[in-house]
N, C-alpha and C. Protein backbone atom coordinates (compact mmCIF):
# COMPACT_ATOMS: atom_id res chain seq x y z
N UNK A 1 0.84 -1.18 0.00
CA UNK A 1 0.00 0.00 0.00
C UNK A 1 0.89 1.25 0.00
N UNK A 2 0.54 2.18 -0.84
CA UNK A 2 1.33 3.40 -0.97
C UNK A 2 1.09 4.32 0.22
N UNK A 3 2.14 4.97 0.64
CA UNK A 3 2.04 5.94 1.74
C UNK A 3 2.17 7.33 1.14
N UNK A 4 1.19 8.17 1.41
CA UNK A 4 1.21 9.53 0.87
C UNK A 4 1.90 10.47 1.84
N UNK A 5 2.58 11.45 1.29
CA UNK A 5 3.29 12.43 2.10
C UNK A 5 2.34 13.54 2.52
N UNK A 6 2.35 13.86 3.80
CA UNK A 6 1.54 14.96 4.32
C UNK A 6 2.38 16.23 4.33
N UNK A 7 1.74 17.33 4.65
CA UNK A 7 2.48 18.59 4.74
C UNK A 7 3.52 18.53 5.86
N UNK A 8 3.19 17.87 6.96
CA UNK A 8 4.17 17.71 8.04
C UNK A 8 5.35 16.86 7.60
N UNK A 9 5.09 15.84 6.79
CA UNK A 9 6.18 15.02 6.24
C UNK A 9 7.08 15.88 5.35
N UNK A 10 6.47 16.75 4.57
CA UNK A 10 7.26 17.62 3.69
C UNK A 10 8.13 18.58 4.50
N UNK A 11 7.60 19.09 5.60
CA UNK A 11 8.39 19.99 6.45
C UNK A 11 9.56 19.24 7.08
N UNK A 12 9.33 18.00 7.50
CA UNK A 12 10.40 17.18 8.07
C UNK A 12 11.45 16.88 7.00
N UNK A 13 11.00 16.60 5.79
CA UNK A 13 11.91 16.37 4.67
C UNK A 13 12.77 17.60 4.42
N UNK A 14 12.13 18.77 4.40
CA UNK A 14 12.86 20.01 4.17
C UNK A 14 13.93 20.23 5.24
N UNK A 15 13.60 20.00 6.50
CA UNK A 15 14.56 20.18 7.59
C UNK A 15 15.73 19.21 7.45
N UNK A 16 15.45 17.95 7.17
CA UNK A 16 16.51 16.95 7.02
C UNK A 16 17.38 17.25 5.81
N UNK A 17 16.75 17.61 4.69
CA UNK A 17 17.47 17.89 3.45
C UNK A 17 18.37 19.11 3.62
N UNK A 18 17.84 20.15 4.25
CA UNK A 18 18.64 21.37 4.46
C UNK A 18 19.77 21.16 5.46
N UNK A 19 19.62 20.16 6.34
CA UNK A 19 20.68 19.84 7.30
C UNK A 19 21.79 19.02 6.64
N UNK A 20 21.60 18.64 5.37
CA UNK A 20 22.64 17.93 4.65
C UNK A 20 22.53 16.42 4.65
N UNK A 21 21.41 15.90 5.15
CA UNK A 21 21.24 14.44 5.21
C UNK A 21 21.05 13.90 3.79
N UNK A 22 21.53 12.70 3.54
CA UNK A 22 21.41 12.08 2.22
C UNK A 22 19.97 11.65 1.96
N UNK A 23 19.65 11.48 0.69
CA UNK A 23 18.30 11.07 0.31
C UNK A 23 18.01 9.68 0.87
N UNK A 24 18.98 8.78 0.78
CA UNK A 24 18.78 7.43 1.32
C UNK A 24 18.55 7.47 2.83
N UNK A 25 19.29 8.32 3.53
CA UNK A 25 19.12 8.46 4.98
C UNK A 25 17.76 9.04 5.34
N UNK A 26 17.33 10.01 4.56
CA UNK A 26 16.01 10.61 4.79
C UNK A 26 14.91 9.57 4.57
N UNK A 27 15.04 8.80 3.49
CA UNK A 27 14.04 7.78 3.17
C UNK A 27 13.94 6.74 4.29
N UNK A 28 15.08 6.29 4.79
CA UNK A 28 15.05 5.31 5.88
C UNK A 28 14.43 5.91 7.14
N UNK A 29 14.84 7.12 7.49
CA UNK A 29 14.37 7.75 8.72
C UNK A 29 12.87 8.05 8.68
N UNK A 30 12.34 8.37 7.50
CA UNK A 30 10.94 8.74 7.37
C UNK A 30 10.06 7.58 6.90
N UNK A 31 10.64 6.42 6.66
CA UNK A 31 9.91 5.22 6.21
C UNK A 31 9.22 5.42 4.86
N UNK A 32 9.93 6.07 3.93
CA UNK A 32 9.47 6.22 2.56
C UNK A 32 10.47 5.55 1.65
N UNK A 33 10.03 5.18 0.46
CA UNK A 33 10.94 4.68 -0.55
C UNK A 33 11.79 5.85 -1.04
N UNK A 34 13.03 5.58 -1.41
CA UNK A 34 13.90 6.69 -1.84
C UNK A 34 13.36 7.38 -3.08
N UNK A 35 12.62 6.64 -3.95
CA UNK A 35 12.07 7.27 -5.15
C UNK A 35 10.99 8.29 -4.79
N UNK A 36 10.26 8.06 -3.71
CA UNK A 36 9.26 9.02 -3.23
C UNK A 36 9.95 10.31 -2.81
N UNK A 37 11.08 10.19 -2.15
CA UNK A 37 11.83 11.36 -1.70
C UNK A 37 12.35 12.14 -2.91
N UNK A 38 12.91 11.43 -3.89
CA UNK A 38 13.39 12.10 -5.10
C UNK A 38 12.26 12.82 -5.84
N UNK A 39 11.10 12.20 -5.96
CA UNK A 39 9.96 12.83 -6.63
C UNK A 39 9.51 14.07 -5.87
N UNK A 40 9.50 13.98 -4.55
CA UNK A 40 9.10 15.14 -3.75
C UNK A 40 10.11 16.27 -3.86
N UNK A 41 11.39 15.94 -3.89
CA UNK A 41 12.43 16.97 -4.05
C UNK A 41 12.28 17.66 -5.40
N UNK A 42 11.90 16.91 -6.42
CA UNK A 42 11.68 17.50 -7.74
C UNK A 42 10.45 18.41 -7.71
N UNK A 43 9.39 17.97 -7.03
CA UNK A 43 8.16 18.74 -6.95
C UNK A 43 8.38 20.08 -6.23
N UNK A 44 9.20 20.07 -5.18
CA UNK A 44 9.41 21.27 -4.39
C UNK A 44 10.67 22.04 -4.74
N UNK A 45 11.24 21.77 -5.92
CA UNK A 45 12.48 22.42 -6.34
C UNK A 45 12.27 23.93 -6.47
N UNK A 46 13.14 24.69 -5.80
CA UNK A 46 13.03 26.15 -5.82
C UNK A 46 13.72 26.77 -7.02
N UNK A 47 14.55 26.00 -7.71
CA UNK A 47 15.30 26.54 -8.83
C UNK A 47 16.61 27.19 -8.42
N UNK A 48 16.91 27.12 -7.14
CA UNK A 48 18.15 27.71 -6.62
C UNK A 48 18.95 26.64 -5.91
N UNK A 49 20.22 26.91 -5.70
CA UNK A 49 21.09 25.98 -4.97
C UNK A 49 20.99 26.29 -3.48
N UNK A 50 21.05 25.24 -2.65
CA UNK A 50 21.03 25.45 -1.21
C UNK A 50 22.46 25.57 -0.67
N UNK A 51 22.59 25.69 0.63
CA UNK A 51 23.91 25.87 1.26
C UNK A 51 24.81 24.65 1.07
N UNK A 52 24.23 23.49 0.80
CA UNK A 52 25.00 22.26 0.62
C UNK A 52 25.38 22.02 -0.84
N UNK A 53 25.05 22.96 -1.74
CA UNK A 53 25.38 22.83 -3.15
C UNK A 53 24.42 21.94 -3.91
N UNK A 54 23.25 21.67 -3.34
CA UNK A 54 22.24 20.86 -4.00
C UNK A 54 21.06 21.74 -4.38
N UNK A 55 20.18 21.19 -5.20
CA UNK A 55 18.98 21.93 -5.59
C UNK A 55 18.17 22.26 -4.33
N UNK A 56 17.68 23.48 -4.24
CA UNK A 56 16.90 23.90 -3.09
C UNK A 56 15.54 23.22 -3.05
N UNK A 57 14.99 23.06 -1.85
CA UNK A 57 13.69 22.43 -1.68
C UNK A 57 12.85 23.26 -0.72
N UNK A 58 11.57 23.42 -1.07
CA UNK A 58 10.62 24.12 -0.22
C UNK A 58 9.40 23.24 -0.02
N UNK A 59 9.10 22.92 1.24
CA UNK A 59 7.93 22.10 1.56
C UNK A 59 6.65 22.81 1.13
N UNK A 60 6.59 24.10 1.34
CA UNK A 60 5.41 24.88 0.98
C UNK A 60 5.18 24.86 -0.54
N UNK A 61 6.25 25.00 -1.29
CA UNK A 61 6.16 24.98 -2.75
C UNK A 61 5.72 23.59 -3.24
N UNK A 62 6.26 22.54 -2.64
CA UNK A 62 5.86 21.18 -2.99
C UNK A 62 4.39 20.94 -2.73
N UNK A 63 3.90 21.40 -1.58
CA UNK A 63 2.49 21.23 -1.23
C UNK A 63 1.61 22.00 -2.21
N UNK A 64 2.00 23.21 -2.57
CA UNK A 64 1.22 24.03 -3.49
C UNK A 64 1.17 23.41 -4.88
N UNK A 65 2.30 22.88 -5.35
CA UNK A 65 2.32 22.25 -6.68
C UNK A 65 1.46 21.00 -6.70
N UNK A 66 1.47 20.23 -5.63
CA UNK A 66 0.62 19.04 -5.54
C UNK A 66 -0.85 19.44 -5.58
N UNK A 67 -1.22 20.45 -4.83
CA UNK A 67 -2.60 20.95 -4.80
C UNK A 67 -3.03 21.41 -6.20
N UNK A 68 -2.17 22.17 -6.88
CA UNK A 68 -2.49 22.67 -8.21
C UNK A 68 -2.68 21.52 -9.20
N UNK A 69 -1.84 20.50 -9.11
CA UNK A 69 -1.96 19.34 -10.00
C UNK A 69 -3.28 18.61 -9.76
N UNK A 70 -3.66 18.45 -8.52
CA UNK A 70 -4.93 17.78 -8.21
C UNK A 70 -6.11 18.60 -8.70
N UNK A 71 -6.03 19.91 -8.60
CA UNK A 71 -7.12 20.77 -9.08
C UNK A 71 -7.28 20.63 -10.60
N UNK A 72 -6.15 20.57 -11.32
CA UNK A 72 -6.22 20.41 -12.78
C UNK A 72 -6.88 19.09 -13.15
N UNK A 73 -6.53 18.03 -12.43
CA UNK A 73 -7.13 16.72 -12.71
C UNK A 73 -8.63 16.72 -12.44
N UNK A 74 -9.05 17.38 -11.37
CA UNK A 74 -10.47 17.46 -11.05
C UNK A 74 -11.22 18.25 -12.13
N UNK A 75 -10.60 19.32 -12.61
CA UNK A 75 -11.23 20.14 -13.65
C UNK A 75 -11.42 19.32 -14.92
N UNK A 76 -10.39 18.57 -15.31
CA UNK A 76 -10.50 17.73 -16.51
C UNK A 76 -11.60 16.69 -16.35
N UNK A 77 -11.67 16.07 -15.19
CA UNK A 77 -12.70 15.05 -14.94
C UNK A 77 -14.10 15.68 -15.00
N UNK A 78 -14.25 16.88 -14.47
CA UNK A 78 -15.55 17.56 -14.53
C UNK A 78 -15.93 17.92 -15.95
N UNK A 79 -14.96 18.35 -16.75
CA UNK A 79 -15.25 18.73 -18.13
C UNK A 79 -15.62 17.51 -18.97
N UNK A 80 -15.02 16.38 -18.73
CA UNK A 80 -15.31 15.18 -19.51
C UNK A 80 -16.65 14.58 -19.11
N UNK A 81 -17.09 14.82 -17.88
CA UNK A 81 -18.35 14.26 -17.41
C UNK A 81 -19.55 14.95 -18.02
N UNK A 82 -19.37 16.17 -18.49
CA UNK A 82 -20.50 16.94 -19.02
C UNK A 82 -20.86 16.59 -20.42
């Protein structure tokens, strides 16, 4: 069964990632598959480099992009139903 990331999970991910923890370490500590962490990092990419020389991540941005994607899917489903 798939485990979905909550906003609190995203905030914990952001804190661990900004502290310099590896993706594999974050995945183990948070009980997620490493591919889930990579997908979330891509979703919340700020487009800037962080202090560790990696792509920046924002939990708030990731949550907003997920919400926007779900809204688009709902709109398409509503349009096709009519």
